[in-house]
N, C-alpha and C. Protein backbone atom coordinates (compact mmCIF):
# COMPACT_ATOMS: atom_id res chain seq x y z
N MET A 1 20.86 -4.18 180.88
CA MET A 1 21.62 -3.70 182.01
C MET A 1 22.77 -4.67 182.30
N CYS A 2 23.92 -4.14 182.52
CA CYS A 2 25.10 -4.97 182.75
C CYS A 2 25.21 -5.34 184.24
N GLN A 3 25.66 -6.53 184.49
CA GLN A 3 25.91 -6.99 185.85
C GLN A 3 26.95 -6.09 186.50
N THR A 4 26.74 -5.69 187.75
CA THR A 4 27.66 -4.76 188.40
C THR A 4 28.63 -5.43 189.36
N TRP A 5 28.47 -6.73 189.62
CA TRP A 5 29.39 -7.44 190.49
C TRP A 5 29.49 -8.90 190.05
N ASN A 6 30.52 -9.54 190.50
CA ASN A 6 30.77 -10.96 190.19
C ASN A 6 30.93 -11.73 191.49
N MET A 7 30.39 -12.92 191.53
CA MET A 7 30.62 -13.82 192.66
C MET A 7 31.49 -14.96 192.16
N ILE A 8 32.65 -15.10 192.78
CA ILE A 8 33.58 -16.17 192.43
C ILE A 8 33.72 -17.04 193.68
N THR A 9 33.47 -18.34 193.54
CA THR A 9 33.57 -19.25 194.68
C THR A 9 34.80 -20.12 194.53
N LEU A 10 35.62 -20.12 195.58
CA LEU A 10 36.87 -20.89 195.61
C LEU A 10 36.71 -21.99 196.65
N ARG A 11 36.76 -23.24 196.22
CA ARG A 11 36.53 -24.37 197.12
C ARG A 11 37.85 -25.05 197.51
N PHE A 12 37.84 -25.63 198.72
CA PHE A 12 39.01 -26.32 199.25
C PHE A 12 38.61 -27.73 199.68
N GLU A 13 39.58 -28.62 199.74
CA GLU A 13 39.31 -29.98 200.19
C GLU A 13 38.95 -29.98 201.68
N HIS A 14 38.23 -31.00 202.09
CA HIS A 14 37.80 -31.10 203.49
C HIS A 14 38.98 -31.11 204.46
N HIS A 15 40.07 -31.73 204.05
CA HIS A 15 41.22 -31.86 204.94
C HIS A 15 42.16 -30.65 204.88
N ALA A 16 41.85 -29.66 204.06
CA ALA A 16 42.73 -28.50 203.92
C ALA A 16 42.72 -27.66 205.20
N LEU A 17 43.87 -27.09 205.52
CA LEU A 17 43.95 -26.18 206.66
C LEU A 17 43.18 -24.91 206.30
N LEU A 18 42.27 -24.51 207.16
CA LEU A 18 41.41 -23.37 206.85
C LEU A 18 42.19 -22.07 206.68
N HIS A 19 43.19 -21.85 207.55
CA HIS A 19 43.95 -20.60 207.42
C HIS A 19 44.75 -20.58 206.12
N ARG A 20 45.19 -21.74 205.66
CA ARG A 20 45.92 -21.82 204.39
C ARG A 20 44.98 -21.49 203.22
N GLY A 21 43.78 -22.04 203.24
CA GLY A 21 42.80 -21.73 202.21
C GLY A 21 42.45 -20.25 202.18
N TRP A 22 42.26 -19.68 203.38
CA TRP A 22 41.94 -18.25 203.46
C TRP A 22 43.06 -17.41 202.86
N GLU A 23 44.29 -17.72 203.20
CA GLU A 23 45.42 -16.93 202.69
C GLU A 23 45.60 -17.11 201.18
N LEU A 24 45.36 -18.32 200.66
CA LEU A 24 45.40 -18.52 199.20
C LEU A 24 44.34 -17.67 198.52
N ALA A 25 43.13 -17.69 199.06
CA ALA A 25 42.03 -16.91 198.48
C ALA A 25 42.31 -15.42 198.58
N ARG A 26 42.82 -14.98 199.71
CA ARG A 26 43.12 -13.56 199.92
C ARG A 26 44.21 -13.09 198.97
N GLY A 27 45.26 -13.88 198.82
CA GLY A 27 46.33 -13.54 197.89
C GLY A 27 45.84 -13.48 196.45
N PHE A 28 45.00 -14.44 196.09
CA PHE A 28 44.41 -14.46 194.74
C PHE A 28 43.58 -13.20 194.51
N ALA A 29 42.73 -12.86 195.47
CA ALA A 29 41.88 -11.67 195.33
C ALA A 29 42.72 -10.41 195.20
N LEU A 30 43.74 -10.30 196.02
CA LEU A 30 44.60 -9.11 195.97
C LEU A 30 45.33 -9.00 194.64
N GLN A 31 46.00 -10.07 194.24
CA GLN A 31 46.82 -10.01 193.02
C GLN A 31 45.99 -10.01 191.74
N CYS A 32 45.13 -11.01 191.59
CA CYS A 32 44.43 -11.21 190.31
C CYS A 32 43.25 -10.28 190.09
N LEU A 33 42.63 -9.81 191.16
CA LEU A 33 41.46 -8.94 191.00
C LEU A 33 41.79 -7.49 191.37
N ALA A 34 42.22 -7.25 192.61
CA ALA A 34 42.44 -5.87 193.05
C ALA A 34 43.62 -5.21 192.34
N THR A 35 44.75 -5.90 192.24
CA THR A 35 45.94 -5.29 191.65
C THR A 35 45.92 -5.32 190.12
N GLU A 36 45.73 -6.50 189.53
CA GLU A 36 45.80 -6.62 188.07
C GLU A 36 44.59 -6.05 187.35
N ARG A 37 43.42 -6.06 188.00
CA ARG A 37 42.19 -5.62 187.32
C ARG A 37 41.57 -4.37 187.94
N ASP A 38 42.19 -3.83 188.98
CA ASP A 38 41.71 -2.61 189.65
C ASP A 38 40.27 -2.73 190.13
N THR A 39 39.88 -3.90 190.63
CA THR A 39 38.51 -4.09 191.11
C THR A 39 38.50 -4.26 192.63
N PRO A 40 37.57 -3.60 193.31
CA PRO A 40 37.42 -3.85 194.75
C PRO A 40 36.84 -5.25 194.96
N VAL A 41 37.25 -5.89 196.04
CA VAL A 41 36.83 -7.27 196.32
C VAL A 41 36.49 -7.42 197.80
N VAL A 42 35.43 -8.16 198.08
CA VAL A 42 35.07 -8.54 199.44
C VAL A 42 35.13 -10.07 199.49
N ALA A 43 35.70 -10.61 200.57
CA ALA A 43 35.81 -12.06 200.71
C ALA A 43 35.03 -12.53 201.94
N ALA A 44 34.38 -13.68 201.80
CA ALA A 44 33.66 -14.30 202.92
C ALA A 44 33.95 -15.80 202.90
N MET A 45 34.39 -16.33 204.04
CA MET A 45 34.70 -17.76 204.12
C MET A 45 33.56 -18.51 204.80
N HIS A 46 33.19 -19.64 204.22
CA HIS A 46 32.17 -20.51 204.80
C HIS A 46 32.79 -21.87 205.10
N VAL A 47 32.45 -22.40 206.26
CA VAL A 47 32.92 -23.72 206.67
C VAL A 47 31.68 -24.55 207.03
N PRO A 48 31.06 -25.19 206.04
CA PRO A 48 29.80 -25.92 206.26
C PRO A 48 29.90 -27.04 207.30
N GLN A 49 31.09 -27.60 207.50
CA GLN A 49 31.24 -28.70 208.46
C GLN A 49 30.87 -28.26 209.87
N VAL A 50 31.03 -26.99 210.19
CA VAL A 50 30.69 -26.49 211.51
C VAL A 50 29.20 -26.71 211.79
N ALA A 51 28.38 -26.63 210.75
CA ALA A 51 26.94 -26.86 210.88
C ALA A 51 26.56 -28.30 210.57
N GLY A 52 27.56 -29.19 210.46
CA GLY A 52 27.29 -30.60 210.21
C GLY A 52 27.00 -30.94 208.76
N ARG A 53 27.31 -30.05 207.85
CA ARG A 53 27.07 -30.32 206.43
C ARG A 53 28.33 -30.92 205.80
N LYS A 54 28.15 -31.62 204.69
CA LYS A 54 29.28 -32.29 204.03
C LYS A 54 29.90 -31.48 202.90
N LEU A 55 29.45 -30.26 202.69
CA LEU A 55 30.02 -29.42 201.63
C LEU A 55 31.44 -29.00 201.98
N LYS A 56 32.23 -28.72 200.96
CA LYS A 56 33.61 -28.31 201.17
C LYS A 56 33.69 -26.88 201.70
N PRO A 57 34.73 -26.59 202.49
CA PRO A 57 34.94 -25.20 202.88
C PRO A 57 35.21 -24.37 201.62
N HIS A 58 34.80 -23.12 201.66
CA HIS A 58 34.96 -22.30 200.46
C HIS A 58 34.97 -20.82 200.82
N VAL A 59 35.51 -20.05 199.90
CA VAL A 59 35.53 -18.59 200.03
C VAL A 59 34.77 -18.01 198.86
N HIS A 60 33.86 -17.09 199.16
CA HIS A 60 33.18 -16.33 198.11
C HIS A 60 33.92 -15.01 197.95
N LEU A 61 34.27 -14.68 196.72
CA LEU A 61 34.82 -13.36 196.41
C LEU A 61 33.75 -12.59 195.67
N ILE A 62 33.41 -11.43 196.15
CA ILE A 62 32.46 -10.56 195.47
C ILE A 62 33.26 -9.38 194.95
N ALA A 63 33.35 -9.30 193.63
CA ALA A 63 34.19 -8.28 192.99
C ALA A 63 33.35 -7.40 192.08
N SER A 64 33.71 -6.16 192.00
CA SER A 64 33.03 -5.23 191.11
C SER A 64 33.28 -5.63 189.66
N SER A 65 32.29 -5.41 188.81
CA SER A 65 32.46 -5.67 187.38
C SER A 65 33.14 -4.50 186.68
N ARG A 66 33.31 -3.41 187.42
CA ARG A 66 33.96 -2.24 186.85
C ARG A 66 35.25 -1.95 187.59
N ARG A 67 36.23 -1.51 186.87
CA ARG A 67 37.48 -1.08 187.48
C ARG A 67 37.23 0.21 188.25
N ILE A 68 37.96 0.40 189.33
CA ILE A 68 37.89 1.63 190.11
C ILE A 68 39.26 2.29 190.04
N LEU A 69 39.31 3.48 189.50
CA LEU A 69 40.56 4.24 189.41
C LEU A 69 40.39 5.51 190.23
N GLY A 70 41.18 5.62 191.29
CA GLY A 70 40.99 6.74 192.20
C GLY A 70 39.64 6.60 192.88
N SER A 71 38.79 7.61 192.70
CA SER A 71 37.44 7.53 193.27
C SER A 71 36.39 7.45 192.17
N ASN A 72 36.80 6.99 190.99
CA ASN A 72 35.89 6.94 189.84
C ASN A 72 35.75 5.52 189.28
N CYS A 73 34.55 5.21 188.79
CA CYS A 73 34.35 3.96 188.06
C CYS A 73 34.94 4.11 186.67
N ALA A 74 35.58 3.08 186.22
CA ALA A 74 36.18 3.08 184.88
C ALA A 74 35.48 2.02 184.03
N ASP A 75 36.21 1.45 183.09
CA ASP A 75 35.62 0.47 182.17
C ASP A 75 35.31 -0.86 182.87
N PHE A 76 34.59 -1.72 182.17
CA PHE A 76 34.22 -3.02 182.71
C PHE A 76 35.39 -4.01 182.59
N VAL A 77 35.44 -4.95 183.52
CA VAL A 77 36.44 -6.02 183.51
C VAL A 77 35.86 -7.12 182.63
N THR A 78 36.15 -7.08 181.36
CA THR A 78 35.46 -7.92 180.38
C THR A 78 35.74 -9.41 180.53
N ASP A 79 36.92 -9.80 181.01
CA ASP A 79 37.20 -11.24 181.12
C ASP A 79 36.44 -11.91 182.27
N LEU A 80 35.84 -11.12 183.14
CA LEU A 80 35.05 -11.69 184.23
C LEU A 80 33.56 -11.42 184.07
N LEU A 81 33.15 -11.12 182.85
CA LEU A 81 31.74 -10.92 182.51
C LEU A 81 31.34 -11.87 181.40
N GLY A 82 30.07 -12.12 181.28
CA GLY A 82 29.57 -12.90 180.15
C GLY A 82 29.63 -14.40 180.36
N ALA A 83 29.43 -15.09 179.26
CA ALA A 83 29.30 -16.55 179.28
C ALA A 83 30.57 -17.26 179.74
N ASP A 84 31.73 -16.68 179.49
CA ASP A 84 33.00 -17.33 179.85
C ASP A 84 33.53 -16.91 181.21
N ALA A 85 32.80 -16.12 181.97
CA ALA A 85 33.29 -15.58 183.23
C ALA A 85 33.70 -16.67 184.21
N LYS A 86 32.86 -17.67 184.43
CA LYS A 86 33.18 -18.73 185.39
C LYS A 86 34.39 -19.54 184.93
N THR A 87 34.46 -19.82 183.64
CA THR A 87 35.59 -20.57 183.09
C THR A 87 36.88 -19.77 183.27
N ASN A 88 36.83 -18.49 182.97
CA ASN A 88 38.01 -17.63 183.11
C ASN A 88 38.45 -17.53 184.57
N ALA A 89 37.50 -17.35 185.48
CA ALA A 89 37.83 -17.27 186.90
C ALA A 89 38.41 -18.60 187.40
N ALA A 90 37.84 -19.71 186.97
CA ALA A 90 38.35 -21.03 187.37
C ALA A 90 39.78 -21.24 186.87
N LYS A 91 40.07 -20.80 185.67
CA LYS A 91 41.43 -20.92 185.12
C LYS A 91 42.41 -20.07 185.91
N LEU A 92 42.02 -18.82 186.22
CA LEU A 92 42.87 -17.95 187.03
C LEU A 92 43.15 -18.59 188.39
N TRP A 93 42.12 -19.14 189.02
CA TRP A 93 42.27 -19.78 190.33
C TRP A 93 43.16 -21.01 190.24
N SER A 94 42.96 -21.83 189.24
CA SER A 94 43.78 -23.03 189.05
C SER A 94 45.25 -22.66 188.86
N ASP A 95 45.50 -21.67 188.04
CA ASP A 95 46.88 -21.20 187.81
C ASP A 95 47.49 -20.65 189.10
N TRP A 96 46.68 -19.90 189.86
CA TRP A 96 47.15 -19.32 191.12
C TRP A 96 47.53 -20.43 192.11
N CYS A 97 46.67 -21.42 192.24
CA CYS A 97 46.94 -22.53 193.17
C CYS A 97 48.18 -23.32 192.75
N ALA A 98 48.33 -23.54 191.46
CA ALA A 98 49.51 -24.27 190.97
C ALA A 98 50.80 -23.52 191.30
N ALA A 99 50.74 -22.21 191.27
CA ALA A 99 51.94 -21.40 191.52
C ALA A 99 52.19 -21.15 193.01
N HIS A 100 51.15 -21.24 193.84
CA HIS A 100 51.29 -20.83 195.24
C HIS A 100 50.96 -21.91 196.27
N ALA A 101 50.50 -23.06 195.84
CA ALA A 101 50.13 -24.09 196.83
C ALA A 101 51.32 -24.91 197.26
């Protein structure tokens, strides 16, 4: 059975402005996932410092593993599946930050 969704975690430095991180993540999700790959995406931001934890603020992107065209499921988004999925997503995120930060 093939995985039907992907979780991509985007982390930010402790001193980063939260609204800036959110907008970077949102822009990345819109351009790299929703527009270029036709995948629906849900984003959730976590700020562990609010609960006194030392983890970095981060955004989770939950994206479909299948493209959605109109109201139908289409083919799988192969570059975000399998053993190289995390590496590919990290490269996309790194490139996005370099171009937009």
